[in-house]
C-alpha cells in the first residue's frame, strides 16, 4: 500500500466513529480476532481511558447485579467508598492495619474493572499504536524513520521500528487488567529510577545514543501503563521519592533524568498506609496526601462469620491425600481467637492482628488433623478437633504492648486466648441443656471417666497403614460413649445442629462465590476419591467439644484431669 493510501486509512480511522459494538468499554465484540494494526485501524478503534474503563465497567456490573469486587467480604462501607472514588475518577489511598485486604482490593479492581486493550505484541509498557499522532503513525507505516513532532512520549523506540518494518501487519495482543497492574512495596531500597525509569547501559552498548529515548528503560510507572500502580506502605517511601508521584497524580505526567521527554503513563494510582504512619507528621509529604482525592479507611472483619468466610476462601488446603472436612465450630474457634486477640489488653492495638493469622492457623489445624490421624489410617477423614488446637501456635502473629514482646509471653497470651475461645465456642453447644440433663450426666459419670487423646479415633474398624496409630479398643470414642445413656443422645442432637449450621454457612459462602468443599459433610467427606466417611470423625470432634463445654459450665459438670481424663466434679 502506497504512502497516500496509508495516510488516508490512518486519518479515516482516527476521524471516524468506531465500527464495532462494544462488549466492554473500548472492547470490540470480536476483539480476539483483531490481531494486527491494520485490523485495528479498519474498525476505527478508539481507546477508552483507565478512568472511563473503571467507571463504565463498575456501572455495568452494578446494573446487572454482578459483584465488582469478588472475594472482598464484610466491607460494605469500604466498598461503597471505593465505588464513589471510582465513579469520581479519584486516585485512592487506603488507610488500615496489616491484613485488611488493602492490596487485595487494588488487585480486584484491576482484575474486574479494567477492559482489555490492544498493545503491540510483546511490549512491556503496553504501547497502543493508535495513540500515536496520526502523522507519526502514517510515516512509520509508510516505512520512514521515527520522527517525533512533540516532546511527548507515545510509544517506545522498539515499537516504532517494529511498526516501520512490519507496517499494517504489526502484531498486536489484547492485554487484560491484571497484566497492567504493578505492585510496589515501598522499602528503603526503592529508587527513583525504579519508579520513573533510567538510562540503560545495555542499550547504549548496542548503539543507542546517551540521553536519547532509545537508551531509556521504563520504570514501574510505565510498566503499569493504561492500568493501576499500587504502592504498598506509601509512608515508608522516602519523601524525595514521593515527590516523583506529585506530577503524576496532579497532571498525569512525569519527566525523568536528562531526557527532554514528557511521559504520560495513563495510570490510576492506589496506595496503602498504616494509620499510625498516615497520621504521623512528614510520613507522607503534605502535597502528596492532598493529591489522593479519596482517603478510605479499612478495618478488620466486624463479625465472626465474615472472618470465617475469608478463612475458607483464602486457606490453602490439599484435598489429594486425604478427605478433609472442617467442622464449623472449629472454624468459629479459630476466628474467635483472632477477634479476641485484637481486643486483648496486652496485644498491640496499633499494629493490629491480621486476618492472615486466622488463615494460617486454620491451615495448621487441618494439617495437624491430617498428620496425626488421616494419613496413617485408611478411611479416616482429616477432621480438626479441640485436641489439635496446640498446632496453631506458630501462626500467632501479634505484638505485645503492655508486656515484654518475647516469644514466651506471646505464647502465654495466646494460650489464654485459645482457652477463652474454646470456652465460648463449646458453651454455645451445651448452653441449652436442662438442669435435669446436666444432673443425669453428672450422675452417669460417678465411678466412670472418659479419656480424650489426639490419636484416638471415633471407631476402630479402619485398616491401619504402616506408621499408623494403634488404638486401644476400649479407648475408641464410640466405645467409651456407649457406656453412657444421655451423652450419646446429646452428641447426636448437636450433630444435627452442626449439619444445619453447615448448610446455612455454605449458602452464605456460595453467595460470595466461595468453594464449599471444605465444609461438605457426609459419605466421601469433601468429594475426595478415597471414599472415607467423615461423619464419625466429626462426631469425635463434637465429643471433645461437648466435654469441654460441660467442664466450663457454671457450676462445672466435669473436671479435666491430666492426660485428658474427664471425670465428674
Protein backbone atom coordinates (compact mmCIF):
# COMPACT_ATOMS: atom_id res chain seq x y z
CA UNK A 1 0.00 0.00 0.00
CA UNK A 2 1.46 3.37 -1.01
CA UNK A 3 2.04 6.27 1.37
CA UNK A 4 -1.06 8.21 0.30
CA UNK A 5 -3.44 5.30 0.81
CA UNK A 6 -1.85 4.58 4.19
CA UNK A 7 -2.33 8.21 5.20
CA UNK A 8 -5.99 8.07 4.10
CA UNK A 9 -6.53 4.87 6.10
CA UNK A 10 -4.98 6.35 9.24
CA UNK A 11 -6.87 9.67 9.04
CA UNK A 12 -10.16 7.97 8.22
CA UNK A 13 -9.73 5.60 11.19
CA UNK A 14 -8.81 8.44 13.55
CA UNK A 15 -11.67 10.70 12.48
CA UNK A 16 -14.45 8.10 12.16
CA UNK A 17 -16.66 6.62 14.82
CA UNK A 18 -15.93 3.02 15.90
CA UNK A 19 -17.49 0.48 13.52
CA UNK A 20 -17.99 -2.10 16.26
CA UNK A 21 -20.31 -2.91 19.11
CA UNK A 22 -18.60 -2.84 22.48
CA UNK A 23 -18.71 -5.86 24.79
CA UNK A 24 -16.87 -3.83 27.42
CA UNK A 25 -15.82 -0.18 27.41
CA UNK A 26 -13.40 0.18 24.48
CA UNK A 27 -13.53 -3.51 23.52
CA UNK A 28 -14.99 -4.67 20.16
CA UNK A 29 -17.29 -7.68 20.33
CA UNK A 30 -14.92 -9.78 18.22
CA UNK A 31 -11.73 -8.25 19.63
CA UNK A 32 -9.85 -11.55 19.84
CA UNK A 33 -9.92 -11.73 16.05
CA UNK A 34 -8.23 -8.36 15.76
CA UNK A 35 -4.57 -9.35 15.66
CA UNK A 36 -2.83 -6.70 13.55
CA UNK A 37 -2.52 -2.94 13.46
CA UNK A 38 -4.25 -2.90 10.08
CA UNK A 39 -7.31 -4.66 11.51
CA UNK A 40 -7.32 -2.23 14.42
CA UNK A 41 -7.40 0.73 12.02
CA UNK A 42 -10.12 -0.86 9.88
CA UNK A 43 -12.56 -0.97 12.81
CA UNK A 44 -11.69 2.65 13.80
CA UNK A 45 -10.58 1.56 17.27
CA UNK A 46 -10.91 4.22 19.96
CA UNK A 47 -9.01 4.00 23.23
CA UNK A 48 -11.05 4.44 26.41
CA UNK A 49 -9.15 5.93 29.37
CA UNK A 50 -8.49 3.95 32.54
CA UNK A 51 -10.89 6.18 34.48
CA UNK A 52 -13.63 5.62 31.93
CA UNK A 53 -13.00 1.87 31.78
CA UNK A 54 -13.30 1.57 35.55
CA UNK A 55 -16.31 3.85 35.78
CA UNK A 56 -18.31 2.21 33.00
CA UNK A 57 -17.40 -1.34 33.99
CA UNK A 58 -18.47 -0.59 37.56
CA UNK A 59 -21.79 0.87 36.41
CA UNK A 60 -22.46 -2.11 34.13
CA UNK A 61 -21.72 -4.62 36.88
CA UNK A 62 -23.89 -2.77 39.39
CA UNK A 63 -26.78 -2.54 36.93
CA UNK A 64 -26.54 -6.25 36.11
CA UNK A 65 -26.32 -7.14 39.82
CA UNK A 66 -22.81 -8.58 39.45
CA UNK A 67 -20.23 -8.19 42.22
CA UNK A 68 -17.45 -5.85 41.04
CA UNK A 69 -15.23 -6.97 43.91
CA UNK A 70 -15.45 -10.78 44.21
CA UNK A 71 -13.56 -12.13 47.19
CA UNK A 72 -13.92 -8.95 49.27
CA UNK A 73 -16.04 -9.87 52.31
CA UNK A 74 -17.52 -7.83 55.15
CA UNK A 75 -16.57 -4.49 53.61
CA UNK A 76 -19.87 -2.86 52.66
CA UNK A 77 -18.74 0.56 53.91
CA UNK A 78 -15.32 0.32 52.26
CA UNK A 79 -16.86 -0.92 49.01
CA UNK A 80 -19.34 1.97 48.98
CA UNK A 81 -16.47 4.43 49.42
CA UNK A 82 -14.49 2.67 46.68
CA UNK A 83 -17.48 2.86 44.32
CA UNK A 84 -17.72 6.60 44.92
CA UNK A 85 -13.98 7.07 44.32
CA UNK A 86 -14.10 5.16 41.03
CA UNK A 87 -17.18 6.98 39.80
CA UNK A 88 -15.44 10.26 40.65
CA UNK A 89 -12.20 9.23 38.91
CA UNK A 90 -10.11 9.52 42.06
CA UNK A 91 -6.73 8.14 43.00
CA UNK A 92 -7.22 6.18 46.22
CA UNK A 93 -5.30 5.97 49.50
CA UNK A 94 -6.43 3.00 51.62
CA UNK A 95 -5.62 3.51 55.30
CA UNK A 96 -5.61 0.44 57.51
CA UNK A 97 -3.62 -2.01 59.60
CA UNK A 98 -1.91 -5.13 58.30
CA UNK A 99 -4.11 -7.82 56.81
CA UNK A 100 -7.10 -5.62 55.95
CA UNK A 101 -7.28 -6.55 52.23
CA UNK A 102 -5.94 -3.19 51.00
CA UNK A 103 -3.74 -4.59 48.25
CA UNK A 104 -6.30 -7.30 47.52
CA UNK A 105 -8.79 -4.53 46.79
CA UNK A 106 -6.37 -2.91 44.34
CA UNK A 107 -5.82 -6.26 42.59
CA UNK A 108 -9.56 -6.90 42.46
CA UNK A 109 -10.19 -3.52 40.85
CA UNK A 110 -7.52 -4.21 38.23
CA UNK A 111 -8.84 -7.69 37.52
CA UNK A 112 -12.53 -6.80 37.28
CA UNK A 113 -12.87 -3.14 36.29
CA UNK A 114 -10.22 -2.69 33.58
CA UNK A 115 -11.03 -3.58 29.98
CA UNK A 116 -8.57 -5.38 27.69
CA UNK A 117 -6.52 -3.03 25.48
CA UNK A 118 -4.70 -3.64 22.15
CA UNK A 119 -0.93 -3.29 22.56
CA UNK A 120 2.00 -4.06 20.29
CA UNK A 121 2.73 -7.72 20.93
CA UNK A 122 5.49 -8.27 23.49
CA UNK A 123 5.77 -4.63 24.61
CA UNK A 124 6.30 -4.43 28.38
CA UNK A 125 4.72 -0.97 28.62
CA UNK A 126 1.61 -1.88 26.61
CA UNK A 127 2.10 0.57 23.73
CA UNK A 128 -1.17 1.25 21.91
CA UNK A 129 -0.13 2.24 18.36
CA UNK A 130 -3.28 4.28 17.68
CA UNK A 131 -2.29 6.68 20.47
CA UNK A 132 0.46 7.99 18.19
CA UNK A 133 -0.39 11.26 16.43
CA UNK A 134 -1.85 10.45 13.01
CA UNK A 135 1.08 11.96 11.10
CA UNK A 136 3.65 9.97 13.08
CA UNK A 137 1.79 6.70 12.64
CA UNK A 138 1.31 7.30 8.90
CA UNK A 139 5.04 7.99 8.49
CA UNK A 140 6.02 4.80 10.30
CA UNK A 141 3.54 2.70 8.31
CA UNK A 142 5.00 4.15 5.12
CA UNK A 143 8.45 2.92 6.15
CA UNK A 144 10.03 6.19 7.25
CA UNK A 145 12.30 6.61 10.27
CA UNK A 146 10.62 7.65 13.53
CA UNK A 147 10.19 11.42 13.74
CA UNK A 148 8.92 12.98 16.96
CA UNK A 149 6.92 16.13 16.42
CA UNK A 150 6.35 16.88 20.10
CA UNK A 151 8.19 16.25 23.37
CA UNK A 152 5.52 13.79 24.48
CA UNK A 153 6.44 10.09 24.65
CA UNK A 154 3.82 7.99 22.84
CA UNK A 155 5.35 4.57 22.20
CA UNK A 156 8.78 3.07 22.80
CA UNK A 157 11.60 3.08 20.28
CA UNK A 158 11.37 -0.68 19.73
CA UNK A 159 7.68 -0.46 18.83
CA UNK A 160 8.32 2.43 16.45
CA UNK A 161 10.80 0.35 14.45
CA UNK A 162 8.52 -2.67 14.56
CA UNK A 163 5.70 -0.61 13.01
CA UNK A 164 8.11 0.81 10.46
CA UNK A 165 9.27 -2.68 9.47
CA UNK A 166 6.02 -4.65 9.72
CA UNK A 167 3.57 -1.93 8.70
CA UNK A 168 -0.10 -2.85 8.85
CA UNK A 169 0.87 -6.43 9.72
CA UNK A 170 2.36 -5.32 13.05
CA UNK A 171 1.11 -7.86 15.57
CA UNK A 172 -0.99 -6.70 18.48
CA UNK A 173 -2.32 -8.53 21.52
CA UNK A 174 -5.13 -7.74 23.92
CA UNK A 175 -3.79 -7.11 27.42
CA UNK A 176 -6.10 -7.73 30.37
CA UNK A 177 -6.31 -5.63 33.50
CA UNK A 178 -4.12 -7.74 35.78
CA UNK A 179 -1.31 -7.64 33.21
CA UNK A 180 -1.39 -3.84 33.54
CA UNK A 181 -1.27 -3.96 37.35
CA UNK A 182 2.02 -3.28 39.09
CA UNK A 183 2.65 -3.68 42.80
CA UNK A 184 5.43 -1.73 44.50
CA UNK A 185 6.26 -2.35 48.15
CA UNK A 186 7.73 0.87 49.49
CA UNK A 187 11.04 -0.08 51.05
CA UNK A 188 14.16 2.00 51.66
CA UNK A 189 15.92 0.40 48.68
CA UNK A 190 13.27 1.56 46.17
CA UNK A 191 14.93 4.16 43.97
CA UNK A 192 13.58 7.00 41.87
CA UNK A 193 14.80 5.09 38.83
CA UNK A 194 12.65 2.12 39.86
CA UNK A 195 9.62 4.39 39.55
CA UNK A 196 10.38 6.56 36.52
CA UNK A 197 12.96 4.54 34.57
CA UNK A 198 16.58 5.09 33.73
CA UNK A 199 19.33 5.15 31.13
CA UNK A 200 20.03 1.55 30.16
CA UNK A 201 23.74 0.78 29.78
CA UNK A 202 22.95 -2.36 27.77
CA UNK A 203 21.02 -0.32 25.19
CA UNK A 204 23.88 2.18 24.95
CA UNK A 205 26.30 -0.69 24.39
CA UNK A 206 24.12 -1.79 21.47
CA UNK A 207 24.41 1.65 19.87
CA UNK A 208 21.74 3.81 21.47
CA UNK A 209 22.74 7.45 22.00
CA UNK A 210 23.15 8.57 25.61
CA UNK A 211 20.11 10.62 26.81
CA UNK A 212 18.12 9.71 23.71
CA UNK A 213 14.80 7.93 24.09
CA UNK A 214 16.40 4.85 22.55
CA UNK A 215 18.54 4.44 25.69
CA UNK A 216 15.60 4.64 28.09
CA UNK A 217 14.32 1.66 30.10
CA UNK A 218 10.91 2.12 31.74
CA UNK A 219 10.22 2.01 35.48
CA UNK A 220 7.13 0.85 37.33
CA UNK A 221 5.04 3.87 36.30
CA UNK A 222 5.29 2.99 32.61
CA UNK A 223 5.12 -0.75 33.21
CA UNK A 224 1.69 -0.09 34.76
CA UNK A 225 0.72 1.97 31.71
CA UNK A 226 -3.01 2.07 30.97
CA UNK A 227 -3.58 0.27 34.28
CA UNK A 228 -3.11 0.55 38.02
CA UNK A 229 0.03 1.21 40.05
CA UNK A 230 -0.34 0.00 43.64
CA UNK A 231 2.16 1.44 46.13
CA UNK A 232 2.02 -0.50 49.37
CA UNK A 233 3.01 1.29 52.60
CA UNK A 234 3.44 4.66 50.92
CA UNK A 235 4.64 6.45 54.10
CA UNK A 236 7.77 4.26 54.09
CA UNK A 237 8.80 5.73 50.74
CA UNK A 238 11.47 8.39 51.11
CA UNK A 239 10.00 11.93 50.76
CA UNK A 240 12.33 12.66 47.83
CA UNK A 241 10.85 9.69 46.01
CA UNK A 242 7.31 10.64 46.95
CA UNK A 243 7.82 13.88 45.03
CA UNK A 244 8.02 11.85 41.82
CA UNK A 245 4.35 10.95 42.21
CA UNK A 246 3.14 14.54 42.56
CA UNK A 247 3.03 15.43 38.87
CA UNK A 248 1.59 12.01 38.00
CA UNK A 249 -1.33 12.49 40.40
CA UNK A 250 -1.94 16.11 39.52
CA UNK A 251 -1.12 16.31 35.81
CA UNK A 252 -0.88 12.69 34.70
CA UNK A 253 2.69 13.00 33.50
CA UNK A 254 6.32 12.94 34.60
CA UNK A 255 9.84 13.54 33.34
CA UNK A 256 12.99 11.64 34.14
CA UNK A 257 16.68 12.38 34.22
CA UNK A 258 18.03 14.33 31.28
CA UNK A 259 15.51 13.05 28.75
CA UNK A 260 13.79 16.01 27.05
CA UNK A 261 10.59 13.98 27.04
CA UNK A 262 7.21 14.09 28.80
CA UNK A 263 5.93 10.66 29.81
CA UNK A 264 2.20 10.01 30.29
CA UNK A 265 1.58 6.66 31.99
CA UNK A 266 -2.23 6.90 31.90
CA UNK A 267 -2.38 5.12 35.26
CA UNK A 268 -4.64 5.25 38.25
CA UNK A 269 -2.62 5.17 41.48
CA UNK A 270 -3.83 3.21 44.51
CA UNK A 271 -1.69 3.45 47.65
CA UNK A 272 -1.91 1.99 51.15
CA UNK A 273 -0.82 3.31 54.53
CA UNK A 274 -0.85 2.18 58.14
CA UNK A 275 -2.97 4.53 60.31
CA UNK A 276 -0.01 5.27 62.58
CA UNK A 277 2.22 6.26 59.66
CA UNK A 278 -0.61 8.12 57.95
CA UNK A 279 -1.19 10.42 60.92
CA UNK A 280 2.49 10.87 61.77
CA UNK A 281 3.89 14.19 60.61
CA UNK A 282 6.08 14.02 57.49
CA UNK A 283 5.45 10.33 56.84
CA UNK A 284 3.61 11.30 53.65
CA UNK A 285 4.51 14.72 52.33
CA UNK A 286 1.56 17.07 52.61
CA UNK A 287 1.20 17.88 48.88
CA UNK A 288 1.06 14.17 48.07
CA UNK A 289 -1.55 13.44 50.74
CA UNK A 290 -3.68 16.15 49.17
CA UNK A 291 -3.31 14.66 45.65
CA UNK A 292 -5.06 11.44 46.67
CA UNK A 293 -8.63 12.62 46.34
CA UNK A 294 -10.19 9.69 48.25
CA UNK A 295 -8.80 8.52 51.60
CA UNK A 296 -10.63 5.31 52.54
CA UNK A 297 -10.27 3.75 56.00
CA UNK A 298 -10.34 -0.06 56.08
CA UNK A 299 -10.92 -2.35 59.05
CA UNK A 300 -10.85 -5.97 60.20
CA UNK A 301 -13.99 -8.10 59.74
CA UNK A 302 -16.68 -6.87 62.12
CA UNK A 303 -18.25 -10.31 62.58
CA UNK A 304 -17.00 -13.82 63.32
CA UNK A 305 -18.95 -15.07 60.28
CA UNK A 306 -17.15 -12.72 57.89
CA UNK A 307 -13.79 -13.77 59.33
CA UNK A 308 -14.79 -17.42 58.86
CA UNK A 309 -15.76 -16.82 55.23
CA UNK A 310 -12.43 -15.13 54.50
CA UNK A 311 -10.59 -18.05 56.11
CA UNK A 312 -12.37 -20.62 53.95
CA UNK A 313 -11.81 -18.52 50.84
CA UNK A 314 -8.09 -17.93 51.40
CA UNK A 315 -6.86 -21.10 53.14
CA UNK A 316 -4.69 -23.43 51.03
CA UNK A 317 -5.92 -26.96 51.63
CA UNK A 318 -4.64 -30.05 49.81
CA UNK A 319 -7.52 -32.49 49.25
CA UNK A 320 -5.44 -35.01 47.32
CA UNK A 321 -4.01 -37.10 50.17
CA UNK A 322 -7.00 -37.35 52.44
CA UNK A 323 -10.62 -36.37 52.73
CA UNK A 324 -10.75 -33.05 54.61
CA UNK A 325 -13.83 -31.78 56.42
CA UNK A 326 -13.84 -28.73 58.67
CA UNK A 327 -16.46 -28.66 61.44
CA UNK A 328 -18.00 -25.21 61.61
CA UNK A 329 -17.38 -24.95 65.36
CA UNK A 330 -13.63 -25.39 64.79
CA UNK A 331 -13.79 -22.63 62.20
CA UNK A 332 -15.57 -20.43 64.73
CA UNK A 333 -12.95 -21.26 67.34
CA UNK A 334 -10.08 -20.06 65.14
CA UNK A 335 -11.93 -16.90 64.04
CA UNK A 336 -12.80 -16.14 67.66
CA UNK A 337 -9.15 -16.47 68.69
CA UNK A 338 -8.19 -13.72 66.25
CA UNK A 339 -11.08 -11.49 67.34
CA UNK A 340 -10.18 -11.97 70.99
CA UNK A 341 -6.52 -11.21 70.23
CA UNK A 342 -7.50 -7.90 68.64
CA UNK A 343 -9.23 -6.88 71.86
CA UNK A 344 -6.76 -8.36 74.34
CA UNK A 345 -5.31 -5.69 76.66
CA UNK A 346 -1.74 -6.97 76.20
CA UNK A 347 -1.83 -7.03 72.38
CA UNK A 348 -0.52 -4.01 70.49
CA UNK A 349 -3.64 -2.34 69.02
CA UNK A 350 -1.66 -0.04 66.75
CA UNK A 351 -0.04 -2.98 64.95
CA UNK A 352 -3.26 -4.98 64.84
CA UNK A 353 -3.84 -8.71 64.30
CA UNK A 354 -4.06 -9.68 60.65
CA UNK A 355 -6.70 -11.95 59.12
CA UNK A 356 -3.67 -13.89 57.92
CA UNK A 357 -3.31 -15.19 61.47
CA UNK A 358 -6.77 -16.79 61.13
CA UNK A 359 -5.95 -18.22 57.70
CA UNK A 360 -2.57 -19.65 58.65
CA UNK A 361 -3.91 -21.05 61.93
CA UNK A 362 -6.65 -22.85 60.02
CA UNK A 363 -4.12 -24.33 57.60
CA UNK A 364 -2.02 -25.61 60.50
CA UNK A 365 -5.07 -27.05 62.26
CA UNK A 366 -6.10 -29.03 59.17
CA UNK A 367 -2.51 -30.18 58.67
CA UNK A 368 -2.41 -31.47 62.25
CA UNK A 369 -5.60 -33.49 61.77
CA UNK A 370 -4.08 -34.98 58.66
CA UNK A 371 -0.69 -35.60 60.30
CA UNK A 372 -1.85 -37.47 63.40
CA UNK A 373 -4.88 -39.39 62.10
CA UNK A 374 -5.85 -39.28 58.44
CA UNK A 375 -2.51 -40.01 56.76
CA UNK A 376 -1.96 -43.26 58.64
CA UNK A 377 -5.47 -44.69 58.87
CA UNK A 378 -7.36 -45.77 55.76
CA UNK A 379 -10.86 -44.37 55.55
CA UNK A 380 -10.29 -41.73 58.24
CA UNK A 381 -11.08 -38.15 57.20
CA UNK A 382 -8.91 -35.25 58.33
CA UNK A 383 -11.32 -33.55 60.71
CA UNK A 384 -9.85 -30.98 63.14
CA UNK A 385 -10.72 -31.28 66.84
CA UNK A 386 -10.23 -29.24 70.01
CA UNK A 387 -7.31 -31.52 70.96
CA UNK A 388 -5.50 -30.36 67.79
CA UNK A 389 -5.56 -26.70 68.77
CA UNK A 390 -1.99 -26.58 70.09
CA UNK A 391 -0.82 -26.85 66.46
CA UNK A 392 -1.78 -23.24 65.68
CA UNK A 393 0.87 -21.68 67.94
CA UNK A 394 3.32 -20.95 65.05
CA UNK A 395 0.62 -18.83 63.39
CA UNK A 396 0.42 -16.40 66.31
CA UNK A 397 1.27 -13.10 64.61
CA UNK A 398 0.78 -10.25 67.00
CA UNK A 399 2.94 -7.97 69.09
CA UNK A 400 2.58 -7.26 72.79
CA UNK A 401 2.42 -3.73 74.16
CA UNK A 402 1.98 -3.99 77.94
CA UNK A 403 4.29 -6.97 78.39
CA UNK A 404 7.77 -7.61 77.05
CA UNK A 405 7.29 -8.78 73.48
CA UNK A 406 9.02 -12.13 73.92
CA UNK A 407 8.09 -15.47 72.38
CA UNK A 408 7.38 -16.84 75.86
CA UNK A 409 4.96 -14.01 76.69
CA UNK A 410 3.28 -14.22 73.28
CA UNK A 411 2.71 -17.93 73.75
CA UNK A 412 1.27 -17.40 77.23
CA UNK A 413 -1.12 -14.73 75.96
CA UNK A 414 -2.10 -16.93 73.01
CA UNK A 415 -2.85 -19.86 75.31
CA UNK A 416 -5.10 -17.63 77.40
CA UNK A 417 -6.92 -16.53 74.28
CA UNK A 418 -7.21 -20.11 72.99
CA UNK A 419 -8.70 -21.25 76.29
CA UNK A 420 -11.24 -18.43 76.20
CA UNK A 421 -12.19 -19.20 72.59
CA UNK A 422 -12.62 -22.89 73.39
CA UNK A 423 -14.74 -21.98 76.40
CA UNK A 424 -17.02 -19.59 74.48
CA UNK A 425 -17.41 -21.89 71.49
CA UNK A 426 -18.06 -25.07 73.46
CA UNK A 427 -20.62 -23.36 75.70
CA UNK A 428 -22.63 -22.38 72.60
CA UNK A 429 -23.41 -26.05 72.04
CA UNK A 430 -24.34 -27.07 75.59
CA UNK A 431 -25.96 -23.91 76.92
CA UNK A 432 -29.49 -25.18 76.18
CA UNK A 433 -29.15 -28.31 78.31
CA UNK A 434 -31.74 -28.54 81.07
CA UNK A 435 -30.86 -28.97 84.72
CA UNK A 436 -32.31 -32.49 84.53
CA UNK A 437 -29.95 -33.38 81.66
CA UNK A 438 -26.97 -31.94 83.49
CA UNK A 439 -27.86 -33.82 86.64
CA UNK A 440 -28.19 -37.05 84.64
CA UNK A 441 -24.77 -36.56 83.03
CA UNK A 442 -23.18 -35.86 86.40
CA UNK A 443 -24.82 -38.97 87.84
CA UNK A 444 -23.70 -41.15 84.92
CA UNK A 445 -20.09 -40.07 85.43
CA UNK A 446 -19.99 -41.35 89.00
CA UNK A 447 -17.39 -44.08 89.02
CA UNK A 448 -16.69 -43.52 85.31
CA UNK A 449 -14.33 -41.39 83.23
CA UNK A 450 -13.64 -40.55 79.59
CA UNK A 451 -10.16 -40.27 78.13
CA UNK A 452 -9.51 -37.90 75.24
CA UNK A 453 -6.43 -38.09 73.04
CA UNK A 454 -5.49 -36.62 69.69
CA UNK A 455 -4.76 -40.03 68.23
CA UNK A 456 -7.94 -41.74 69.39
CA UNK A 457 -10.39 -42.39 66.55
CA UNK A 458 -14.17 -42.44 66.65
CA UNK A 459 -14.27 -46.11 65.67
CA UNK A 460 -11.75 -48.93 65.38
CA UNK A 461 -12.89 -50.60 62.18
CA UNK A 462 -10.40 -48.83 59.89
CA UNK A 463 -7.33 -50.53 58.50
CA UNK A 464 -4.03 -49.01 59.64
CA UNK A 465 -1.26 -48.08 57.24
CA UNK A 466 2.37 -48.59 58.19
CA UNK A 467 3.31 -45.97 60.74
CA UNK A 468 -0.31 -45.51 61.77
CA UNK A 469 -1.75 -45.15 65.24
CA UNK A 470 -2.64 -48.27 67.21
CA UNK A 471 -5.91 -47.56 69.01
CA UNK A 472 -6.79 -49.34 72.23
CA UNK A 473 -10.24 -50.80 71.58
CA UNK A 474 -11.53 -49.63 74.97
CA UNK A 475 -10.38 -46.04 74.36
CA UNK A 476 -12.11 -45.57 70.96
CA UNK A 477 -14.58 -42.72 71.40
CA UNK A 478 -17.65 -44.65 70.24
CA UNK A 479 -16.85 -47.48 72.70
CA UNK A 480 -16.35 -45.05 75.59
CA UNK A 481 -19.57 -43.25 74.72
CA UNK A 482 -21.57 -46.50 74.60
CA UNK A 483 -21.20 -46.78 78.39
CA UNK A 484 -23.39 -43.70 78.84
CA UNK A 485 -27.08 -43.05 78.16
CA UNK A 486 -27.51 -39.24 77.99
CA UNK A 487 -24.24 -38.32 76.26
CA UNK A 488 -24.87 -40.30 73.02
CA UNK A 489 -28.23 -38.60 72.53
CA UNK A 490 -26.58 -35.23 73.20
CA UNK A 491 -23.84 -35.90 70.61
CA UNK A 492 -26.47 -36.87 68.02
CA UNK A 493 -28.56 -33.74 68.66
CA UNK A 494 -25.51 -31.48 68.36
CA UNK A 495 -24.52 -33.31 65.17
CA UNK A 496 -27.89 -32.31 63.70
CA UNK A 497 -27.32 -28.72 64.79
CA UNK A 498 -23.86 -28.71 63.23
CA UNK A 499 -25.23 -30.08 59.96
CA UNK A 500 -27.83 -27.28 59.85
CA UNK A 501 -25.13 -24.70 60.55
CA UNK A 502 -23.03 -26.13 57.74
CA UNK A 503 -25.90 -25.85 55.27
CA UNK A 504 -26.65 -22.24 56.27
CA UNK A 505 -23.00 -21.20 56.19
CA UNK A 506 -22.36 -22.90 52.86
CA UNK A 507 -25.26 -20.95 51.35
CA UNK A 508 -23.63 -17.76 52.61
CA UNK A 509 -20.29 -18.82 51.10
CA UNK A 510 -21.87 -19.58 47.73
CA UNK A 511 -23.37 -16.10 47.62
CA UNK A 512 -19.78 -14.85 47.75
CA UNK A 513 -18.61 -17.36 45.15
CA UNK A 514 -16.51 -19.32 47.67
CA UNK A 515 -15.73 -23.03 47.26
CA UNK A 516 -17.62 -25.00 49.94
CA UNK A 517 -15.87 -28.39 49.65
CA UNK A 518 -14.14 -27.88 52.99
CA UNK A 519 -17.49 -27.95 54.83
CA UNK A 520 -19.27 -30.75 52.99
CA UNK A 521 -20.31 -33.46 55.45
CA UNK A 522 -21.21 -36.99 54.52
CA UNK A 523 -20.00 -40.17 52.88
CA UNK A 524 -16.83 -39.38 51.00
CA UNK A 525 -16.16 -36.26 53.04
CA UNK A 526 -15.06 -33.33 50.88
CA UNK A 527 -15.51 -35.01 47.50
CA UNK A 528 -12.21 -36.84 47.91
CA UNK A 529 -11.69 -40.03 45.93
CA UNK A 530 -10.73 -42.07 48.99
CA UNK A 531 -14.38 -42.54 49.87
CA UNK A 532 -13.85 -42.01 53.59
CA UNK A 533 -16.76 -41.41 55.91
CA UNK A 534 -16.35 -38.03 57.62
CA UNK A 535 -19.36 -38.30 59.94
CA UNK A 536 -17.65 -40.47 62.55
CA UNK A 537 -14.67 -38.16 62.86
CA UNK A 538 -16.96 -35.12 63.08
CA UNK A 539 -18.74 -36.85 65.95
CA UNK A 540 -15.34 -37.37 67.57
CA UNK A 541 -14.70 -33.64 67.31
CA UNK A 542 -18.16 -32.88 68.73
CA UNK A 543 -17.46 -35.37 71.54
CA UNK A 544 -14.37 -33.39 72.61
CA UNK A 545 -16.26 -30.10 72.24
CA UNK A 546 -19.13 -31.26 74.48
CA UNK A 547 -16.78 -32.44 77.21
CA UNK A 548 -15.11 -29.02 77.21
CA UNK A 549 -18.49 -27.29 77.33
CA UNK A 550 -19.55 -29.36 80.34
CA UNK A 551 -16.24 -28.52 82.01
CA UNK A 552 -16.76 -24.76 81.52
CA UNK A 553 -20.35 -24.58 82.74
CA UNK A 554 -21.06 -22.76 85.99
CA UNK A 555 -21.10 -24.75 88.12
CA UNK A 556 -18.94 -27.19 86.12
CA UNK A 557 -20.35 -30.64 85.41
CA UNK A 558 -16.99 -32.24 84.59
CA UNK A 559 -13.38 -31.73 85.51
CA UNK A 560 -10.40 -32.46 83.27
CA UNK A 561 -7.51 -34.23 84.88
CA UNK A 562 -4.05 -34.87 83.48
CA UNK A 563 -3.68 -36.82 80.22
CA UNK A 564 -7.13 -35.77 79.01
CA UNK A 565 -9.20 -37.67 81.58
CA UNK A 566 -12.68 -36.21 82.23
CA UNK A 567 -14.47 -37.04 85.47
CA UNK A 568 -17.47 -35.71 87.35
CA UNK A 569 -16.89 -32.70 89.61
